[in-house]
C-alpha atoms as a PDB file:
ATOM      1  CA  MET A   1      -7.748   5.543   6.625  1.00  0.00           C
ATOM      2  CA  LEU A   2      -8.862   3.044   4.421  1.00  0.00           C
ATOM      3  CA  LYS A   3      -9.995   5.085   1.468  1.00  0.00           C
ATOM      4  CA  TYR A   4     -10.316   5.059  -2.405  1.00  0.00           C
ATOM      5  CA  GLU A   5      -7.729   7.096  -4.215  1.00  0.00           C
ATOM      6  CA  LEU A   6      -8.264   9.337  -7.077  1.00  0.00           C
ATOM      7  CA  VAL A   7      -5.052   8.629  -9.370  1.00  0.00           C
ATOM      8  CA  LYS A   8      -4.088  11.417 -11.150  1.00  0.00           C
ATOM      9  CA  MET A   9      -1.334  10.689 -13.646  1.00  0.00           C
ATOM     10  CA  THR A  10       2.072  11.765 -14.434  1.00  0.00           C
ATOM     11  CA  ASP A  11       4.072  14.108 -17.367  1.00  0.00           C
ATOM     12  CA  ASP A  12       1.479  13.615 -19.754  1.00  0.00           C
ATOM     13  CA  LEU A  13       1.754   9.604 -19.422  1.00  0.00           C
ATOM     14  CA  PRO A  14      -0.807   7.262 -19.259  1.00  0.00           C
ATOM     15  CA  VAL A  15       0.382   6.058 -15.894  1.00  0.00           C
ATOM     16  CA  ARG A  16       1.334   7.725 -12.421  1.00  0.00           C
ATOM     17  CA  TYR A  17       4.829   6.671 -10.980  1.00  0.00           C
ATOM     18  CA  ILE A  18       5.975   7.180  -7.528  1.00  0.00           C
ATOM     19  CA  ILE A  19       9.789   6.562  -6.728  1.00  0.00           C
ATOM     20  CA  HIS A  20       9.487   5.347  -2.922  1.00  0.00           C
ATOM     21  CA  HIS A  21      12.797   5.712  -0.887  1.00  0.00           C
ATOM     22  CA  GLN A  22      13.516   5.265   2.803  1.00  0.00           C
ATOM     23  CA  GLY A  23      11.172   6.903   5.001  1.00  0.00           C
ATOM     24  CA  GLU A  24       7.925   6.623   7.058  1.00  0.00           C
ATOM     25  CA  LYS A  25       7.214   3.217   7.469  1.00  0.00           C
ATOM     26  CA  ASN A  26       3.451   2.475   7.028  1.00  0.00           C
ATOM     27  CA  VAL A  27       0.962   3.158   3.716  1.00  0.00           C
ATOM     28  CA  ALA A  28      -2.545   2.602   5.090  1.00  0.00           C
ATOM     29  CA  PRO A  29      -5.285   0.815   3.298  1.00  0.00           C
ATOM     30  CA  HIS A  30      -6.152   2.228   0.273  1.00  0.00           C
ATOM     31  CA  TRP A  31      -8.136   1.006  -3.635  1.00  0.00           C
ATOM     32  CA  HIS A  32      -8.441   2.758  -6.825  1.00  0.00           C
ATOM     33  CA  GLU A  33      -9.731   1.525 -10.126  1.00  0.00           C
ATOM     34  CA  SER A  34      -6.345   1.882 -11.671  1.00  0.00           C
ATOM     35  CA  LEU A  35      -3.839  -1.148 -11.939  1.00  0.00           C
ATOM     36  CA  GLU A  36      -0.541  -0.822 -10.102  1.00  0.00           C
ATOM     37  CA  ILE A  37       2.784  -2.518 -10.648  1.00  0.00           C
ATOM     38  CA  SER A  38       5.363  -2.309  -7.492  1.00  0.00           C
ATOM     39  CA  TYR A  39       8.950  -2.996  -8.175  1.00  0.00           C
ATOM     40  CA  THR A  40      11.762  -3.330  -5.641  1.00  0.00           C
ATOM     41  CA  LYS A  41      14.938  -1.884  -7.168  1.00  0.00           C
ATOM     42  CA  CYS A  42      16.942  -2.612  -3.666  1.00  0.00           C
ATOM     43  CA  GLY A  43      16.257  -3.027   0.052  1.00  0.00           C
ATOM     44  CA  SER A  44      13.095  -4.672   0.808  1.00  0.00           C
ATOM     45  CA  ILE A  45       9.369  -3.900   1.658  1.00  0.00           C
ATOM     46  CA  GLN A  46       8.520  -6.077   4.545  1.00  0.00           C
ATOM     47  CA  ASN A  47       4.750  -6.519   4.698  1.00  0.00           C
ATOM     48  CA  PHE A  48       2.976  -5.584   1.719  1.00  0.00           C
ATOM     49  CA  TYR A  49      -0.989  -6.852   1.907  1.00  0.00           C
ATOM     50  CA  ILE A  50      -2.547  -6.729  -1.453  1.00  0.00           C
ATOM     51  CA  ASP A  51      -6.415  -8.592  -0.676  1.00  0.00           C
ATOM     52  CA  GLY A  52      -5.508  -9.715   2.376  1.00  0.00           C
ATOM     53  CA  GLN A  53      -2.137 -11.647   1.736  1.00  0.00           C
ATOM     54  CA  ASN A  54       1.250 -11.200   3.091  1.00  0.00           C
ATOM     55  CA  PHE A  55       4.308 -10.432   0.686  1.00  0.00           C
ATOM     56  CA  ARG A  56       7.809  -9.704   1.403  1.00  0.00           C
ATOM     57  CA  THR A  57       9.501  -8.549  -1.571  1.00  0.00           C
ATOM     58  CA  VAL A  58      13.428  -7.941  -2.154  1.00  0.00           C
ATOM     59  CA  PRO A  59      14.984  -6.532  -5.026  1.00  0.00           C
ATOM     60  CA  GLY A  60      13.767  -7.364  -8.794  1.00  0.00           C
ATOM     61  CA  ASP A  61      10.613  -8.351  -7.302  1.00  0.00           C
ATOM     62  CA  ILE A  62       7.400  -7.251  -9.028  1.00  0.00           C
ATOM     63  CA  LEU A  63       3.763  -7.322  -7.642  1.00  0.00           C
ATOM     64  CA  VAL A  64       0.394  -6.695  -9.535  1.00  0.00           C
ATOM     65  CA  ILE A  65      -2.084  -4.808  -7.625  1.00  0.00           C
ATOM     66  CA  ASN A  66      -5.162  -5.208  -9.456  1.00  0.00           C
ATOM     67  CA  SER A  67      -7.996  -2.596  -9.956  1.00  0.00           C
ATOM     68  CA  ASN A  68     -10.122  -1.927  -6.740  1.00  0.00           C
ATOM     69  CA  THR A  69      -8.142  -4.176  -4.546  1.00  0.00           C
ATOM     70  CA  ILE A  70      -7.422  -3.273  -1.267  1.00  0.00           C
ATOM     71  CA  HIS A  71      -3.738  -3.007   0.032  1.00  0.00           C
ATOM     72  CA  SER A  72      -1.058  -1.279   2.301  1.00  0.00           C
ATOM     73  CA  VAL A  73       2.396  -1.212   3.676  1.00  0.00           C
ATOM     74  CA  ILE A  74       2.950  -2.006   7.139  1.00  0.00           C
ATOM     75  CA  GLY A  75       6.299  -2.172   8.767  1.00  0.00           C
ATOM     76  CA  SER A  76       8.615  -1.701   5.546  1.00  0.00           C
ATOM     77  CA  ASP A  77      12.176  -1.695   6.561  1.00  0.00           C
ATOM     78  CA  LEU A  78      13.896   2.042   7.370  1.00  0.00           C
ATOM     79  CA  GLY A  79      17.005   0.985   5.302  1.00  0.00           C
ATOM     80  CA  GLU A  80      18.096   1.844   2.169  1.00  0.00           C
ATOM     81  CA  ASN A  81      14.691   1.238  -0.162  1.00  0.00           C
ATOM     82  CA  VAL A  82      14.353   2.044  -3.787  1.00  0.00           C
ATOM     83  CA  ALA A  83      11.125   0.952  -4.705  1.00  0.00           C
ATOM     84  CA  LEU A  84       8.669   2.048  -8.155  1.00  0.00           C
ATOM     85  CA  SER A  85       5.200   1.982  -8.120  1.00  0.00           C
ATOM     86  CA  LEU A  86       3.492   2.542 -11.533  1.00  0.00           C
ATOM     87  CA  ILE A  87      -0.224   3.245 -11.438  1.00  0.00           C
ATOM     88  CA  PHE A  88      -1.994   2.671 -14.991  1.00  0.00           C
ATOM     89  CA  ASP A  89      -5.087   5.052 -16.051  1.00  0.00           C
ATOM     90  CA  TYR A  90      -8.210   3.501 -16.096  1.00  0.00           C
ATOM     91  CA  ALA A  91      -9.760   4.837 -18.695  1.00  0.00           C
ATOM     92  CA  PHE A  92      -6.316   4.151 -20.810  1.00  0.00           C
ATOM     93  CA  LEU A  93      -6.702   0.499 -19.822  1.00  0.00           C
ATOM     94  CA  LYS A  94     -10.696   0.664 -21.001  1.00  0.00           C
ATOM     95  CA  GLU A  95      -9.554   1.949 -24.470  1.00  0.00           C
ATOM     96  CA  MET A  96      -6.655  -0.240 -24.454  1.00  0.00           C
ATOM     97  CA  ILE A  97      -8.320  -3.472 -23.373  1.00  0.00           C
ATOM     98  CA  PRO A  98     -12.220  -3.449 -23.707  1.00  0.00           C
ATOM     99  CA  ASP A  99     -13.033  -6.250 -21.185  1.00  0.00           C
ATOM    100  CA  PHE A 100     -10.036  -4.598 -18.613  1.00  0.00           C
ATOM    101  CA  SER A 101     -13.049  -5.013 -15.722  1.00  0.00           C
ATOM    102  CA  ASN A 102     -13.489  -9.083 -16.188  1.00  0.00           C
ATOM    103  CA  LEU A 103      -9.446  -9.330 -15.986  1.00  0.00           C
ATOM    104  CA  ARG A 104      -7.254 -10.432 -13.203  1.00  0.00           C
ATOM    105  CA  PHE A 105      -3.459  -9.957 -13.604  1.00  0.00           C
ATOM    106  CA  HIS A 106      -1.288 -12.572 -10.961  1.00  0.00           C
ATOM    107  CA  CYS A 107       2.364 -11.724 -10.791  1.00  0.00           C
ATOM    108  CA  TYR A 108       3.302 -11.969  -7.319  1.00  0.00           C
ATOM    109  CA  ASN A 109       6.957 -12.352  -6.873  1.00  0.00           C
ATOM    110  CA  ARG A 110       7.853 -16.073  -8.007  1.00  0.00           C
ATOM    111  CA  PRO A 111       6.625 -16.545 -11.671  1.00  0.00           C
ATOM    112  CA  GLN A 112       5.893 -20.179 -12.350  1.00  0.00           C
ATOM    113  CA  ASP A 113       8.649 -21.833 -14.773  1.00  0.00           C
ATOM    114  CA  TYR A 114       6.667 -20.712 -18.347  1.00  0.00           C
ATOM    115  CA  GLN A 115       6.592 -17.143 -17.241  1.00  0.00           C
ATOM    116  CA  LYS A 116      10.202 -16.498 -16.487  1.00  0.00           C
ATOM    117  CA  PRO A 117      11.329 -15.255 -19.434  1.00  0.00           C
ATOM    118  CA  ALA A 118       8.453 -12.814 -19.529  1.00  0.00           C
ATOM    119  CA  TYR A 119       8.933 -11.998 -15.802  1.00  0.00           C
ATOM    120  CA  GLN A 120      12.477 -10.842 -16.820  1.00  0.00           C
ATOM    121  CA  LYS A 121      11.420  -9.081 -19.450  1.00  0.00           C
ATOM    122  CA  LEU A 122       9.147  -6.982 -17.156  1.00  0.00           C
ATOM    123  CA  GLN A 123      12.027  -6.737 -14.856  1.00  0.00           C
ATOM    124  CA  ALA A 124      14.138  -5.227 -17.231  1.00  0.00           C
ATOM    125  CA  ASN A 125      11.505  -2.903 -18.639  1.00  0.00           C
ATOM    126  CA  LEU A 126      10.852  -1.518 -14.838  1.00  0.00           C
ATOM    127  CA  GLN A 127      14.182  -0.953 -14.104  1.00  0.00           C
ATOM    128  CA  THR A 128      14.479   1.020 -17.735  1.00  0.00           C
ATOM    129  CA  PHE A 129      11.365   2.844 -17.005  1.00  0.00           C
ATOM    130  CA  LEU A 130      12.772   3.717 -13.374  1.00  0.00           C
ATOM    131  CA  GLN A 131      16.170   4.868 -14.802  1.00  0.00           C
ATOM    132  CA  LEU A 132      14.584   7.515 -17.341  1.00  0.00           C
ATOM    133  CA  THR A 133      12.599   8.707 -14.624  1.00  0.00           C
ATOM    134  CA  GLU A 134      15.904   9.970 -13.156  1.00  0.00           C
ATOM    135  CA  THR A 135      16.889  11.870 -15.788  1.00  0.00           C
ATOM    136  CA  PRO A 136      15.798  14.870 -17.049  1.00  0.00           C
ATOM    137  CA  HIS A 137      12.955  14.627 -19.314  1.00  0.00           C
ATOM    138  CA  SER A 138      13.145  15.245 -23.193  1.00  0.00           C
ATOM    139  CA  ALA A 139      10.504  14.367 -25.994  1.00  0.00           C
ATOM    140  CA  ILE A 140      12.745  11.246 -26.688  1.00  0.00           C
ATOM    141  CA  SER A 141      12.669  10.124 -23.186  1.00  0.00           C
ATOM    142  CA  LYS A 142       8.810  10.205 -23.085  1.00  0.00           C
ATOM    143  CA  LEU A 143       8.472   8.242 -26.105  1.00  0.00           C
ATOM    144  CA  LYS A 144      10.736   5.621 -24.770  1.00  0.00           C
ATOM    145  CA  MET A 145       8.631   5.899 -21.278  1.00  0.00           C
ATOM    146  CA  ARG A 146       5.546   5.274 -23.410  1.00  0.00           C
ATOM    147  CA  SER A 147       7.000   2.484 -25.335  1.00  0.00           C
ATOM    148  CA  LEU A 148       8.094   0.786 -22.290  1.00  0.00           C
ATOM    149  CA  ILE A 149       4.326   1.310 -20.646  1.00  0.00           C
ATOM    150  CA  PHE A 150       2.772  -0.579 -23.881  1.00  0.00           C
ATOM    151  CA  ASP A 151       5.532  -3.125 -23.632  1.00  0.00           C
ATOM    152  CA  ILE A 152       4.734  -3.769 -19.813  1.00  0.00           C
ATOM    153  CA  LEU A 153       1.304  -4.386 -20.338  1.00  0.00           C
ATOM    154  CA  ALA A 154       1.308  -6.199 -23.386  1.00  0.00           C
ATOM    155  CA  LEU A 155       3.369  -8.804 -21.171  1.00  0.00           C
ATOM    156  CA  LEU A 156       0.970  -8.903 -18.431  1.00  0.00           C
ATOM    157  CA  CYS A 157      -1.790  -9.460 -20.470  1.00  0.00           C
ATOM    158  CA  GLU A 158      -0.172 -11.933 -22.697  1.00  0.00           C
ATOM    159  CA  HIS A 159       1.804 -14.098 -19.592  1.00  0.00           C
ATOM    160  CA  PHE A 160      -0.077 -12.833 -16.279  1.00  0.00           C
ATOM    161  CA  VAL A 161      -3.605 -12.713 -16.925  1.00  0.00           C
ATOM    162  CA  THR A 162      -6.851 -14.767 -16.140  1.00  0.00           C
ATOM    163  CA  ARG A 163     -10.759 -13.747 -16.524  1.00  0.00           C
ATOM    164  CA  GLN A 164     -12.303 -13.503 -13.255  1.00  0.00           C
ATOM    165  CA  VAL A 165     -16.314 -14.296 -12.065  1.00  0.00           C
ATOM    166  CA  THR A 166     -18.399 -11.511 -12.158  1.00  0.00           C
ATOM    167  CA  ASP A 167     -19.288 -10.879  -8.418  1.00  0.00           C
ATOM    168  CA  SER A 168     -23.201 -10.187 -10.146  1.00  0.00           C
ATOM    169  CA  ASN A 169     -24.547  -9.498  -6.740  1.00  0.00           C
ATOM    170  CA  GLY A 170     -22.442  -6.583  -5.619  1.00  0.00           C
ATOM    171  CA  ASN A 171     -20.765  -8.192  -2.726  1.00  0.00           C
ATOM    172  CA  GLN A 172     -17.993  -6.323  -2.933  1.00  0.00           C
ATOM    173  CA  ALA A 173     -18.934  -3.063  -3.146  1.00  0.00           C
ATOM    174  CA  LYS A 174     -21.255  -3.974  -0.216  1.00  0.00           C
ATOM    175  CA  ASP A 175     -18.477  -4.912   1.893  1.00  0.00           C
ATOM    176  CA  PHE A 176     -16.211  -2.036   1.009  1.00  0.00           C
ATOM    177  CA  ALA A 177     -18.777   0.280   2.015  1.00  0.00           C
ATOM    178  CA  ARG A 178     -18.816  -1.251   5.508  1.00  0.00           C
ATOM    179  CA  LEU A 179     -15.230  -1.151   5.481  1.00  0.00           C
ATOM    180  CA  ARG A 180     -15.202   2.434   4.682  1.00  0.00           C
ATOM    181  CA  THR A 181     -17.937   3.351   7.765  1.00  0.00           C
ATOM    182  CA  ILE A 182     -15.811   0.675  10.155  1.00  0.00           C
ATOM    183  CA  ILE A 183     -12.696   2.418   9.474  1.00  0.00           C
ATOM    184  CA  ASP A 184     -14.214   6.094   9.619  1.00  0.00           C
ATOM    185  CA  PHE A 185     -15.337   4.930  13.137  1.00  0.00           C
ATOM    186  CA  ILE A 186     -11.601   3.975  13.738  1.00  0.00           C
ATOM    187  CA  GLU A 187     -10.384   7.013  12.394  1.00  0.00           C
ATOM    188  CA  GLU A 188     -12.653   9.301  14.557  1.00  0.00           C
ATOM    189  CA  ASN A 189     -12.071   7.130  17.846  1.00  0.00           C
ATOM    190  CA  TYR A 190      -8.422   5.721  17.936  1.00  0.00           C
ATOM    191  CA  MET A 191      -7.662   8.188  21.065  1.00  0.00           C
ATOM    192  CA  LYS A 192     -10.242   6.623  23.131  1.00  0.00           C
ATOM    193  CA  GLU A 193     -10.534   2.820  24.463  1.00  0.00           C
ATOM    194  CA  LEU A 194     -11.462   0.748  21.820  1.00  0.00           C
ATOM    195  CA  ASN A 195     -11.095  -2.928  21.481  1.00  0.00           C
ATOM    196  CA  VAL A 196     -12.781  -5.538  18.868  1.00  0.00           C
ATOM    197  CA  THR A 197     -15.576  -5.977  21.040  1.00  0.00           C
ATOM    198  CA  LEU A 198     -16.304  -2.660  21.343  1.00  0.00           C
ATOM    199  CA  ILE A 199     -16.468  -2.038  17.739  1.00  0.00           C
ATOM    200  CA  ALA A 200     -18.235  -5.175  16.717  1.00  0.00           C
ATOM    201  CA  ASN A 201     -20.921  -4.226  18.926  1.00  0.00           C
ATOM    202  CA  HIS A 202     -20.946  -0.846  17.786  1.00  0.00           C
ATOM    203  CA  PHE A 203     -22.069  -1.874  14.333  1.00  0.00           C
ATOM    204  CA  ALA A 204     -23.855  -4.851  15.185  1.00  0.00           C
ATOM    205  CA  PHE A 205     -21.631  -7.642  14.851  1.00  0.00           C
ATOM    206  CA  SER A 206     -20.130 -10.647  16.301  1.00  0.00           C
ATOM    207  CA  PRO A 207     -16.599  -9.908  17.966  1.00  0.00           C
ATOM    208  CA  GLU A 208     -15.970 -13.233  15.740  1.00  0.00           C
ATOM    209  CA  TYR A 209     -17.456 -12.477  12.528  1.00  0.00           C
ATOM    210  CA  PHE A 210     -16.244  -8.735  12.461  1.00  0.00           C
ATOM    211  CA  SER A 211     -12.568 -10.485  13.391  1.00  0.00           C
ATOM    212  CA  ARG A 212     -12.726 -12.584  10.219  1.00  0.00           C
ATOM    213  CA  PHE A 213     -14.285  -9.586   7.790  1.00  0.00           C
ATOM    214  CA  PHE A 214     -11.840  -7.031   8.984  1.00  0.00           C
ATOM    215  CA  LYS A 215      -8.912  -9.358   8.233  1.00  0.00           C
ATOM    216  CA  LYS A 216     -10.283 -10.461   5.180  1.00  0.00           C
ATOM    217  CA  TYR A 217      -9.930  -7.253   3.426  1.00  0.00           C
ATOM    218  CA  ILE A 218      -7.319  -5.439   5.123  1.00  0.00           C
ATOM    219  CA  GLY A 219      -5.094  -8.404   5.763  1.00  0.00           C
ATOM    220  CA  ILE A 220      -4.309  -7.590   9.382  1.00  0.00           C
ATOM    221  CA  THR A 221      -6.179  -7.936  12.789  1.00  0.00           C
ATOM    222  CA  VAL A 222      -8.204  -4.971  13.924  1.00  0.00           C
ATOM    223  CA  LYS A 223      -5.612  -4.564  17.187  1.00  0.00           C
ATOM    224  CA  ASP A 224      -2.872  -4.506  14.789  1.00  0.00           C
ATOM    225  CA  TYR A 225      -4.954  -1.990  12.354  1.00  0.00           C
ATOM    226  CA  LEU A 226      -5.624  -0.004  15.280  1.00  0.00           C
ATOM    227  CA  LEU A 227      -2.135  -0.161  16.658  1.00  0.00           C
ATOM    228  CA  MET A 228      -0.578   1.230  13.000  1.00  0.00           C
ATOM    229  CA  ILE A 229      -3.221   4.241  13.115  1.00  0.00           C
ATOM    230  CA  ARG A 230      -1.565   5.159  16.789  1.00  0.00           C
ATOM    231  CA  LEU A 231       2.049   4.708  15.556  1.00  0.00           C
ATOM    232  CA  GLN A 232       1.100   6.811  12.657  1.00  0.00           C
ATOM    233  CA  LYS A 233      -0.480   9.365  14.049  1.00  0.00           C
ATOM    234  CA  ALA A 234       2.209   9.818  16.888  1.00  0.00           C
ATOM    235  CA  TYR A 235       4.978   9.592  14.156  1.00  0.00           C
ATOM    236  CA  SER A 236       3.356  12.812  12.954  1.00  0.00           C
ATOM    237  CA  TYR A 237       3.494  13.819  16.487  1.00  0.00           C
ATOM    238  CA  VAL A 238       7.079  13.138  17.345  1.00  0.00           C
ATOM    239  CA  VAL A 239       8.777  14.575  14.055  1.00  0.00           C
ATOM    240  CA  ASN A 240       6.448  17.919  13.891  1.00  0.00           C
ATOM    241  CA  SER A 241       5.487  19.032  17.216  1.00  0.00           C
ATOM    242  CA  GLU A 242       6.851  19.854  20.483  1.00  0.00           C
ATOM    243  CA  GLU A 243       4.522  17.799  22.633  1.00  0.00           C
ATOM    244  CA  LYS A 244       6.222  15.607  25.670  1.00  0.00           C
ATOM    245  CA  MET A 245       5.829  11.840  24.952  1.00  0.00           C
ATOM    246  CA  ILE A 246       3.462  11.014  27.811  1.00  0.00           C
ATOM    247  CA  ASP A 247       1.474  13.806  25.741  1.00  0.00           C
ATOM    248  CA  ILE A 248       1.624  12.090  22.573  1.00  0.00           C
ATOM    249  CA  ALA A 249       0.808   8.885  24.363  1.00  0.00           C
ATOM    250  CA  TYR A 250      -2.629  10.043  25.415  1.00  0.00           C
ATOM    251  CA  LEU A 251      -3.352  12.231  22.458  1.00  0.00           C
ATOM    252  CA  THR A 252      -2.935   8.934  20.302  1.00  0.00           C
ATOM    253  CA  GLY A 253      -4.725   6.361  22.219  1.00  0.00           C
ATOM    254  CA  PHE A 254      -1.968   4.801  24.385  1.00  0.00           C
ATOM    255  CA  PRO A 255      -2.788   3.950  28.091  1.00  0.00           C
ATOM    256  CA  ASN A 256       0.505   5.390  29.242  1.00  0.00           C
ATOM    257  CA  GLU A 257       3.996   6.759  28.134  1.00  0.00           C
ATOM    258  CA  LYS A 258       5.499   2.879  28.590  1.00  0.00           C
ATOM    259  CA  SER A 259       3.349   0.828  26.395  1.00  0.00           C
ATOM    260  CA  PHE A 260       3.594   4.049  23.803  1.00  0.00           C
ATOM    261  CA  THR A 261       7.351   3.930  23.637  1.00  0.00           C
ATOM    262  CA  THR A 262       7.658   0.133  23.653  1.00  0.00           C
ATOM    263  CA  ALA A 263       5.435  -0.274  20.674  1.00  0.00           C
ATOM    264  CA  PHE A 264       7.158   2.982  18.855  1.00  0.00           C
ATOM    265  CA  LYS A 265      10.719   1.443  19.406  1.00  0.00           C
ATOM    266  CA  LYS A 266       9.496  -2.397  18.345  1.00  0.00           C
ATOM    267  CA  SER A 267       7.940  -0.207  14.933  1.00  0.00           C
ATOM    268  CA  TYR A 268      10.608   1.992  14.270  1.00  0.00           C
ATOM    269  CA  GLN A 269      13.691   0.402  15.964  1.00  0.00           C
ATOM    270  CA  GLN A 270      14.296   3.474  18.003  1.00  0.00           C
ATOM    271  CA  THR A 271      12.748   4.973  20.955  1.00  0.00           C
ATOM    272  CA  PRO A 272      10.556   8.209  20.016  1.00  0.00           C
ATOM    273  CA  TYR A 273      13.005  10.243  21.911  1.00  0.00           C
ATOM    274  CA  GLN A 274      16.007   8.823  19.848  1.00  0.00           C
ATOM    275  CA  PHE A 275      13.740   9.217  16.579  1.00  0.00           C
ATOM    276  CA  ARG A 276      12.874  13.016  17.388  1.00  0.00           C
ATOM    277  CA  LYS A 277      16.500  13.763  18.204  1.00  0.00           C
ATOM    278  CA  LYS A 278      17.681  11.714  14.730  1.00  0.00           C
ATOM    279  CA  TYR A 279      14.534  13.575  12.886  1.00  0.00           C
ATOM    280  CA  LYS A 280      16.104  16.609  13.920  1.00  0.00           C
ATOM    281  CA  LEU A 281      19.461  16.380  13.254  1.00  0.00           C
ATOM    282  CA  LYS A 282      18.885  15.717   9.564  1.00  0.00           C
ATOM    283  CA  GLN A 283      16.322  19.043   9.113  1.00  0.00           C
END
């Protein structure tokens, strides 16, 4: 579900940090006021969508997600992955950088030649921060983490920033409101027969305009998004219930068990039967 995310800070720091390991593959599209940094320590994030652009990361890659930017992860590798998400408190950013709302940060995997020394410093700082999260927290470790947070922010402001043109008409806010309504509709009706034309007609859009509008912000087609939502719901049934696979198929909007099994295997590299058996063995 597309949603606004309320970010809560971690351990009295001006950031929230999340360590991602292998697991469920998809993070549904969402946005928040905070600035977010994603750092891939090992493995790969195969489809990281930021504002409609698709990125694939390798170890050492850094992605910056700007304030109020829709982002999602779709089809991440289920192998040995470790990634850090560092999410800066909006109030802290406004205090440190009064014109923060007028800035855009650009740091997407491959820096320009003149940015490479700063990018390498960012990599080193994020790696050190990640290491500190894996040790027992003490007053000294928190001081080190705070120092790294300020250094990371300073590097971004000095080497990876531009001033954005203000959206004086509030078009983005209007578009986000539309998206919320559309995604809520899909969330409430994914188990029914839905397609681009039906959804577009419900909101009085032409199918062509609706398809362009949706992909511009979400980064994938309506068809692919609907499949992602159905597979997320099916995943929960597979690992958390004893429902038969044919019943899961119908509960999550697939026309039959065969189409469900084919889609699930393509996404998770195993049939739902195999996935459930393997999952339960780990419990």
